[in-house]
N, C-alpha and C. Protein backbone atom coordinates (compact mmCIF):
# COMPACT_ATOMS: atom_id res chain seq x y z
N MET A 1 14.89 -92.61 -12.92
CA MET A 1 14.98 -91.55 -13.89
C MET A 1 14.91 -90.20 -13.18
N PHE A 2 15.63 -89.25 -13.71
CA PHE A 2 15.58 -87.89 -13.21
C PHE A 2 14.53 -87.13 -14.01
N GLY A 3 13.53 -86.61 -13.32
CA GLY A 3 12.40 -85.99 -13.96
C GLY A 3 12.73 -84.79 -14.82
N ASP A 4 13.73 -84.01 -14.44
CA ASP A 4 14.07 -82.81 -15.20
C ASP A 4 14.90 -83.10 -16.44
N LEU A 5 15.45 -84.29 -16.55
CA LEU A 5 16.26 -84.65 -17.71
C LEU A 5 15.38 -85.32 -18.76
N THR A 6 15.78 -85.18 -20.02
CA THR A 6 15.03 -85.83 -21.09
C THR A 6 15.26 -87.34 -21.04
N VAL A 7 14.46 -88.06 -21.80
CA VAL A 7 14.63 -89.51 -21.91
C VAL A 7 16.06 -89.81 -22.37
N SER A 8 16.51 -89.08 -23.39
CA SER A 8 17.87 -89.29 -23.91
C SER A 8 18.94 -89.07 -22.84
N GLU A 9 18.83 -87.98 -22.11
CA GLU A 9 19.82 -87.68 -21.08
C GLU A 9 19.84 -88.76 -20.01
N ASN A 10 18.65 -89.22 -19.60
CA ASN A 10 18.57 -90.28 -18.60
C ASN A 10 19.22 -91.57 -19.10
N MET A 11 19.04 -91.87 -20.38
CA MET A 11 19.57 -93.11 -20.93
C MET A 11 21.08 -93.14 -20.95
N PHE A 12 21.72 -92.00 -21.19
CA PHE A 12 23.16 -91.98 -21.38
C PHE A 12 23.91 -91.23 -20.29
N LEU A 13 23.25 -91.01 -19.17
CA LEU A 13 23.86 -90.27 -18.07
C LEU A 13 25.13 -90.95 -17.56
N ASN A 14 25.09 -92.26 -17.41
CA ASN A 14 26.26 -92.98 -16.89
C ASN A 14 27.37 -93.10 -17.91
N ASP A 15 27.02 -93.15 -19.19
CA ASP A 15 28.02 -93.33 -20.25
C ASP A 15 28.69 -92.02 -20.64
N GLY A 16 28.13 -90.92 -20.21
CA GLY A 16 28.63 -89.63 -20.63
C GLY A 16 27.89 -89.17 -21.87
N LEU A 17 27.50 -87.92 -21.88
CA LEU A 17 26.76 -87.38 -23.01
C LEU A 17 27.73 -87.05 -24.14
N PRO A 18 27.33 -87.28 -25.38
CA PRO A 18 28.22 -86.96 -26.50
C PRO A 18 28.40 -85.44 -26.59
N LEU A 19 29.61 -85.02 -26.84
CA LEU A 19 29.92 -83.59 -26.88
C LEU A 19 30.36 -83.16 -28.27
N THR A 20 30.12 -81.90 -28.57
CA THR A 20 30.61 -81.31 -29.81
C THR A 20 32.09 -80.98 -29.60
N ARG A 21 32.74 -80.52 -30.65
CA ARG A 21 34.16 -80.16 -30.51
C ARG A 21 34.35 -78.94 -29.63
N PHE A 22 33.25 -78.24 -29.30
CA PHE A 22 33.32 -77.08 -28.41
C PHE A 22 32.98 -77.44 -26.96
N GLY A 23 32.76 -78.72 -26.70
CA GLY A 23 32.48 -79.17 -25.35
C GLY A 23 31.03 -79.06 -24.93
N LEU A 24 30.14 -78.78 -25.87
CA LEU A 24 28.71 -78.70 -25.57
C LEU A 24 28.05 -80.04 -25.89
N VAL A 25 26.90 -80.28 -25.29
CA VAL A 25 26.17 -81.53 -25.57
C VAL A 25 25.77 -81.55 -27.04
N ASP A 26 26.07 -82.65 -27.70
CA ASP A 26 25.69 -82.86 -29.09
C ASP A 26 24.29 -83.49 -29.08
N TRP A 27 23.27 -82.63 -29.07
CA TRP A 27 21.90 -83.08 -28.91
C TRP A 27 21.44 -83.97 -30.05
N LYS A 28 21.84 -83.63 -31.26
CA LYS A 28 21.43 -84.43 -32.41
C LYS A 28 21.96 -85.86 -32.28
N ARG A 29 23.22 -86.01 -31.92
CA ARG A 29 23.81 -87.34 -31.76
C ARG A 29 23.21 -88.07 -30.55
N LEU A 30 23.00 -87.32 -29.46
CA LEU A 30 22.41 -87.92 -28.25
C LEU A 30 21.03 -88.50 -28.55
N HIS A 31 20.17 -87.69 -29.17
CA HIS A 31 18.81 -88.15 -29.46
C HIS A 31 18.81 -89.27 -30.50
N GLY A 32 19.73 -89.20 -31.45
CA GLY A 32 19.85 -90.27 -32.44
C GLY A 32 20.25 -91.59 -31.79
N ASN A 33 21.22 -91.53 -30.88
CA ASN A 33 21.65 -92.73 -30.14
C ASN A 33 20.49 -93.29 -29.32
N ALA A 34 19.74 -92.41 -28.67
CA ALA A 34 18.61 -92.85 -27.85
C ALA A 34 17.54 -93.51 -28.73
N ARG A 35 17.24 -92.91 -29.86
CA ARG A 35 16.24 -93.51 -30.76
C ARG A 35 16.67 -94.90 -31.22
N ARG A 36 17.96 -95.06 -31.54
CA ARG A 36 18.47 -96.36 -31.98
C ARG A 36 18.29 -97.42 -30.90
N VAL A 37 18.66 -97.08 -29.67
CA VAL A 37 18.54 -98.04 -28.56
C VAL A 37 17.06 -98.36 -28.31
N LEU A 38 16.22 -97.35 -28.31
CA LEU A 38 14.79 -97.58 -28.07
C LEU A 38 14.16 -98.42 -29.17
N ARG A 39 14.60 -98.23 -30.41
CA ARG A 39 14.10 -99.06 -31.52
C ARG A 39 14.47 -100.52 -31.30
N GLN A 40 15.71 -100.75 -30.86
CA GLN A 40 16.16 -102.13 -30.60
C GLN A 40 15.33 -102.76 -29.48
N MET A 41 14.92 -101.94 -28.52
CA MET A 41 14.12 -102.42 -27.39
C MET A 41 12.64 -102.47 -27.73
N GLU A 42 12.30 -102.02 -28.94
CA GLU A 42 10.90 -101.93 -29.36
C GLU A 42 10.09 -101.06 -28.43
N ALA A 43 10.72 -99.97 -27.96
CA ALA A 43 10.06 -99.02 -27.07
C ALA A 43 9.84 -97.72 -27.83
N ASN A 44 8.68 -97.17 -27.71
CA ASN A 44 8.35 -95.93 -28.40
C ASN A 44 8.22 -94.82 -27.37
N LEU A 45 9.34 -94.15 -27.10
CA LEU A 45 9.35 -93.05 -26.13
C LEU A 45 9.81 -91.77 -26.81
N PRO A 46 9.27 -90.64 -26.40
CA PRO A 46 9.71 -89.36 -26.96
C PRO A 46 11.05 -88.95 -26.35
N VAL A 47 12.11 -89.01 -27.14
CA VAL A 47 13.47 -88.80 -26.60
C VAL A 47 13.71 -87.38 -26.12
N HIS A 48 12.96 -86.39 -26.63
CA HIS A 48 13.15 -85.00 -26.25
C HIS A 48 12.38 -84.63 -24.97
N ARG A 49 11.46 -85.48 -24.56
CA ARG A 49 10.56 -85.15 -23.45
C ARG A 49 11.23 -85.38 -22.10
N PRO A 50 11.09 -84.42 -21.17
CA PRO A 50 11.58 -84.67 -19.81
C PRO A 50 10.85 -85.86 -19.20
N ALA A 51 11.56 -86.66 -18.44
CA ALA A 51 11.02 -87.90 -17.89
C ALA A 51 9.79 -87.68 -17.02
N ARG A 52 9.69 -86.53 -16.38
CA ARG A 52 8.53 -86.30 -15.49
C ARG A 52 7.21 -86.27 -16.24
N TYR A 53 7.26 -86.06 -17.56
CA TYR A 53 6.04 -86.01 -18.36
C TYR A 53 5.66 -87.37 -18.96
N LEU A 54 6.44 -88.38 -18.67
CA LEU A 54 6.11 -89.72 -19.16
C LEU A 54 5.06 -90.33 -18.25
N SER A 55 4.22 -91.17 -18.82
CA SER A 55 3.24 -91.87 -18.01
C SER A 55 3.96 -92.95 -17.18
N VAL A 56 3.31 -93.47 -16.18
CA VAL A 56 3.89 -94.55 -15.37
C VAL A 56 4.20 -95.74 -16.26
N GLY A 57 3.32 -96.05 -17.20
CA GLY A 57 3.54 -97.17 -18.12
C GLY A 57 4.75 -96.95 -19.00
N GLN A 58 5.02 -95.69 -19.37
CA GLN A 58 6.20 -95.40 -20.18
C GLN A 58 7.48 -95.46 -19.34
N ARG A 59 7.40 -95.00 -18.09
CA ARG A 59 8.59 -95.01 -17.23
C ARG A 59 8.96 -96.41 -16.76
N PHE A 60 7.95 -97.24 -16.55
CA PHE A 60 8.17 -98.58 -16.03
C PHE A 60 7.40 -99.58 -16.88
N PRO A 61 7.86 -99.84 -18.10
CA PRO A 61 7.08 -100.66 -19.03
C PRO A 61 6.87 -102.10 -18.58
N GLY A 62 7.74 -102.62 -17.76
CA GLY A 62 7.58 -104.01 -17.32
C GLY A 62 6.74 -104.15 -16.07
N MET A 63 6.36 -103.02 -15.45
CA MET A 63 5.60 -103.09 -14.21
C MET A 63 4.14 -103.35 -14.52
N ARG A 64 3.56 -104.25 -13.74
CA ARG A 64 2.13 -104.51 -13.90
C ARG A 64 1.55 -104.90 -12.55
N ASN A 65 0.27 -104.62 -12.43
CA ASN A 65 -0.45 -105.02 -11.24
C ASN A 65 -0.74 -106.51 -11.37
N LEU A 66 -0.44 -107.28 -10.36
CA LEU A 66 -0.59 -108.72 -10.45
C LEU A 66 -2.03 -109.20 -10.33
N SER A 67 -2.89 -108.35 -9.81
CA SER A 67 -4.26 -108.79 -9.56
C SER A 67 -5.24 -107.68 -9.87
N ALA A 68 -6.36 -108.05 -10.44
CA ALA A 68 -7.43 -107.07 -10.66
C ALA A 68 -8.04 -106.65 -9.33
N THR A 69 -7.89 -107.49 -8.33
CA THR A 69 -8.41 -107.19 -6.99
C THR A 69 -7.26 -107.33 -5.99
N PRO A 70 -6.42 -106.29 -5.87
CA PRO A 70 -5.27 -106.38 -4.95
C PRO A 70 -5.72 -106.64 -3.52
N LYS A 71 -4.88 -107.36 -2.78
CA LYS A 71 -5.19 -107.64 -1.38
C LYS A 71 -4.81 -106.43 -0.54
N VAL A 72 -5.76 -105.96 0.24
CA VAL A 72 -5.55 -104.81 1.09
C VAL A 72 -5.06 -105.29 2.45
N THR A 73 -4.04 -104.63 2.97
CA THR A 73 -3.48 -105.06 4.26
C THR A 73 -4.10 -104.34 5.45
N GLU A 74 -5.00 -103.39 5.19
CA GLU A 74 -5.78 -102.73 6.23
C GLU A 74 -4.92 -102.16 7.36
N GLU A 75 -3.76 -101.59 7.01
CA GLU A 75 -2.86 -101.00 8.00
C GLU A 75 -2.48 -102.00 9.10
N ASP A 76 -2.32 -103.25 8.72
CA ASP A 76 -1.96 -104.31 9.65
C ASP A 76 -0.65 -104.94 9.17
N GLN A 77 0.40 -104.75 9.95
CA GLN A 77 1.72 -105.22 9.52
C GLN A 77 1.78 -106.74 9.39
N ALA A 78 1.14 -107.46 10.29
CA ALA A 78 1.13 -108.92 10.21
C ALA A 78 0.43 -109.37 8.93
N MET A 79 -0.65 -108.68 8.58
CA MET A 79 -1.35 -109.03 7.35
C MET A 79 -0.48 -108.69 6.13
N ALA A 80 0.24 -107.58 6.18
CA ALA A 80 1.14 -107.20 5.08
C ALA A 80 2.22 -108.26 4.91
N THR A 81 2.72 -108.79 6.01
CA THR A 81 3.72 -109.84 5.95
C THR A 81 3.14 -111.08 5.27
N GLN A 82 1.95 -111.48 5.68
CA GLN A 82 1.34 -112.69 5.11
C GLN A 82 0.98 -112.50 3.64
N VAL A 83 0.44 -111.34 3.28
CA VAL A 83 0.10 -111.07 1.87
C VAL A 83 1.36 -111.14 1.02
N THR A 84 2.46 -110.60 1.52
CA THR A 84 3.72 -110.63 0.78
C THR A 84 4.24 -112.06 0.63
N ILE A 85 4.18 -112.83 1.70
CA ILE A 85 4.60 -114.24 1.62
C ILE A 85 3.77 -114.99 0.59
N ASP A 86 2.45 -114.79 0.61
CA ASP A 86 1.56 -115.44 -0.36
C ASP A 86 1.90 -114.99 -1.80
N THR A 87 2.20 -113.71 -1.96
CA THR A 87 2.52 -113.17 -3.29
C THR A 87 3.83 -113.75 -3.81
N VAL A 88 4.83 -113.85 -2.94
CA VAL A 88 6.13 -114.41 -3.35
C VAL A 88 5.97 -115.87 -3.76
N LYS A 89 5.13 -116.61 -3.04
CA LYS A 89 4.88 -118.01 -3.40
C LYS A 89 4.12 -118.13 -4.72
N ALA A 90 3.15 -117.24 -4.94
CA ALA A 90 2.32 -117.30 -6.14
C ALA A 90 3.05 -116.82 -7.39
N TYR A 91 4.02 -115.93 -7.21
CA TYR A 91 4.75 -115.35 -8.34
C TYR A 91 6.25 -115.50 -8.11
N PRO A 92 6.80 -116.69 -8.33
CA PRO A 92 8.21 -116.93 -8.03
C PRO A 92 9.19 -116.12 -8.87
N SER A 93 8.76 -115.58 -10.00
CA SER A 93 9.67 -114.76 -10.82
C SER A 93 9.46 -113.27 -10.59
N LEU A 94 8.85 -112.92 -9.49
CA LEU A 94 8.58 -111.53 -9.13
C LEU A 94 9.89 -110.76 -9.02
N ASP A 95 9.92 -109.56 -9.60
CA ASP A 95 11.13 -108.73 -9.56
C ASP A 95 11.08 -107.66 -8.48
N GLY A 96 9.89 -107.16 -8.17
CA GLY A 96 9.82 -106.07 -7.22
C GLY A 96 8.46 -105.92 -6.59
N ILE A 97 8.45 -105.23 -5.45
CA ILE A 97 7.23 -104.95 -4.71
C ILE A 97 7.24 -103.49 -4.34
N PHE A 98 6.10 -102.84 -4.51
CA PHE A 98 5.93 -101.45 -4.10
C PHE A 98 4.95 -101.45 -2.94
N ALA A 99 5.44 -101.22 -1.73
CA ALA A 99 4.62 -101.23 -0.51
C ALA A 99 4.28 -99.79 -0.16
N ILE A 100 3.01 -99.44 -0.21
CA ILE A 100 2.64 -98.03 -0.16
C ILE A 100 2.01 -97.53 1.14
N THR A 101 2.11 -98.28 2.21
CA THR A 101 1.65 -97.75 3.50
C THR A 101 2.75 -97.91 4.53
N SER A 102 2.59 -97.21 5.64
CA SER A 102 3.63 -97.20 6.67
C SER A 102 3.85 -98.57 7.29
N VAL A 103 2.86 -99.44 7.26
CA VAL A 103 3.05 -100.79 7.81
C VAL A 103 3.31 -101.84 6.73
N ALA A 104 2.93 -101.53 5.49
CA ALA A 104 3.15 -102.50 4.40
C ALA A 104 4.63 -102.70 4.13
N LEU A 105 5.42 -101.62 4.17
CA LEU A 105 6.84 -101.74 3.87
C LEU A 105 7.58 -102.60 4.91
N PRO A 106 7.45 -102.33 6.20
CA PRO A 106 8.13 -103.23 7.15
C PRO A 106 7.58 -104.65 7.10
N GLY A 107 6.27 -104.80 6.84
CA GLY A 107 5.69 -106.14 6.72
C GLY A 107 6.25 -106.89 5.53
N ALA A 108 6.37 -106.19 4.41
CA ALA A 108 6.93 -106.82 3.21
C ALA A 108 8.40 -107.15 3.42
N ALA A 109 9.14 -106.26 4.07
CA ALA A 109 10.56 -106.52 4.34
C ALA A 109 10.71 -107.77 5.22
N GLU A 110 9.86 -107.90 6.22
CA GLU A 110 9.89 -109.08 7.08
C GLU A 110 9.58 -110.35 6.29
N ALA A 111 8.59 -110.25 5.40
CA ALA A 111 8.22 -111.42 4.58
C ALA A 111 9.37 -111.83 3.66
N LEU A 112 10.03 -110.87 3.05
CA LEU A 112 11.15 -111.20 2.15
C LEU A 112 12.29 -111.85 2.93
N ALA A 113 12.51 -111.39 4.16
CA ALA A 113 13.54 -112.01 4.99
C ALA A 113 13.14 -113.44 5.37
N LYS A 114 11.87 -113.63 5.73
CA LYS A 114 11.40 -114.96 6.12
C LYS A 114 11.45 -115.97 4.99
N THR A 115 11.16 -115.50 3.77
CA THR A 115 11.12 -116.42 2.62
C THR A 115 12.49 -116.56 1.95
N GLY A 116 13.46 -115.77 2.39
CA GLY A 116 14.79 -115.81 1.78
C GLY A 116 14.83 -115.12 0.42
N ALA A 117 13.81 -114.34 0.12
CA ALA A 117 13.74 -113.68 -1.19
C ALA A 117 14.31 -112.27 -1.17
N HIS A 118 14.86 -111.84 -0.04
CA HIS A 118 15.34 -110.46 0.09
C HIS A 118 16.48 -110.11 -0.86
N ASP A 119 17.21 -111.09 -1.36
CA ASP A 119 18.28 -110.81 -2.32
C ASP A 119 17.80 -110.84 -3.77
N ASN A 120 16.57 -111.31 -3.99
CA ASN A 120 16.07 -111.48 -5.36
C ASN A 120 14.96 -110.52 -5.75
N ILE A 121 14.30 -109.93 -4.77
CA ILE A 121 13.15 -109.07 -5.05
C ILE A 121 13.44 -107.67 -4.54
N PHE A 122 13.29 -106.70 -5.43
CA PHE A 122 13.51 -105.31 -5.09
C PHE A 122 12.29 -104.78 -4.35
N LEU A 123 12.50 -104.18 -3.19
CA LEU A 123 11.40 -103.66 -2.38
C LEU A 123 11.56 -102.16 -2.22
N VAL A 124 10.49 -101.44 -2.51
CA VAL A 124 10.47 -100.00 -2.34
C VAL A 124 9.11 -99.62 -1.78
N GLY A 125 9.07 -98.54 -1.02
CA GLY A 125 7.79 -98.14 -0.47
C GLY A 125 7.91 -96.94 0.44
N LEU A 126 6.85 -96.71 1.20
CA LEU A 126 6.75 -95.57 2.10
C LEU A 126 6.56 -96.08 3.51
N SER A 127 7.27 -95.47 4.44
CA SER A 127 7.10 -95.86 5.83
C SER A 127 7.67 -94.77 6.72
N THR A 128 7.64 -95.01 8.00
CA THR A 128 8.25 -94.06 8.94
C THR A 128 9.56 -94.67 9.45
N PRO A 129 10.52 -93.83 9.82
CA PRO A 129 11.79 -94.38 10.32
C PRO A 129 11.61 -95.30 11.52
N ASN A 130 10.71 -94.96 12.42
CA ASN A 130 10.53 -95.80 13.62
C ASN A 130 10.02 -97.19 13.28
N SER A 131 9.11 -97.31 12.32
CA SER A 131 8.59 -98.63 12.00
C SER A 131 9.62 -99.47 11.23
N MET A 132 10.58 -98.83 10.60
CA MET A 132 11.61 -99.57 9.86
C MET A 132 12.78 -100.00 10.75
N ARG A 133 12.87 -99.47 11.95
CA ARG A 133 13.97 -99.81 12.86
C ARG A 133 13.80 -101.19 13.49
N ARG A 134 12.61 -101.70 13.51
CA ARG A 134 12.35 -102.98 14.17
C ARG A 134 13.07 -104.12 13.53
């Protein structure tokens, strides 16, 4: 999502925004279309609000923490690899992983390659270019 755009604008960015006969954005129709789609999805989001003001739960409604006590990798890439392998085995329908340290991302990437899950699980995170070159 683009933070400066409203929920409605983000939803219909690829489809093209509805225009008035003067070539301006038809805000009433845009927000109405967004409300209809959100109702079908049973999502209650403020269509006029810029995305940056949405909570994490509103922006990513399907995202959840898998454990009340997450496993810490202690800045150890080998441990990050093993934790990721264990997580992939424990949650076979996992859609994505957010690796938030400079060694967790390359460790998770290595684990996904080792388990063959790299085509099925979306991986995003923070790292340095040098650690990702390996």
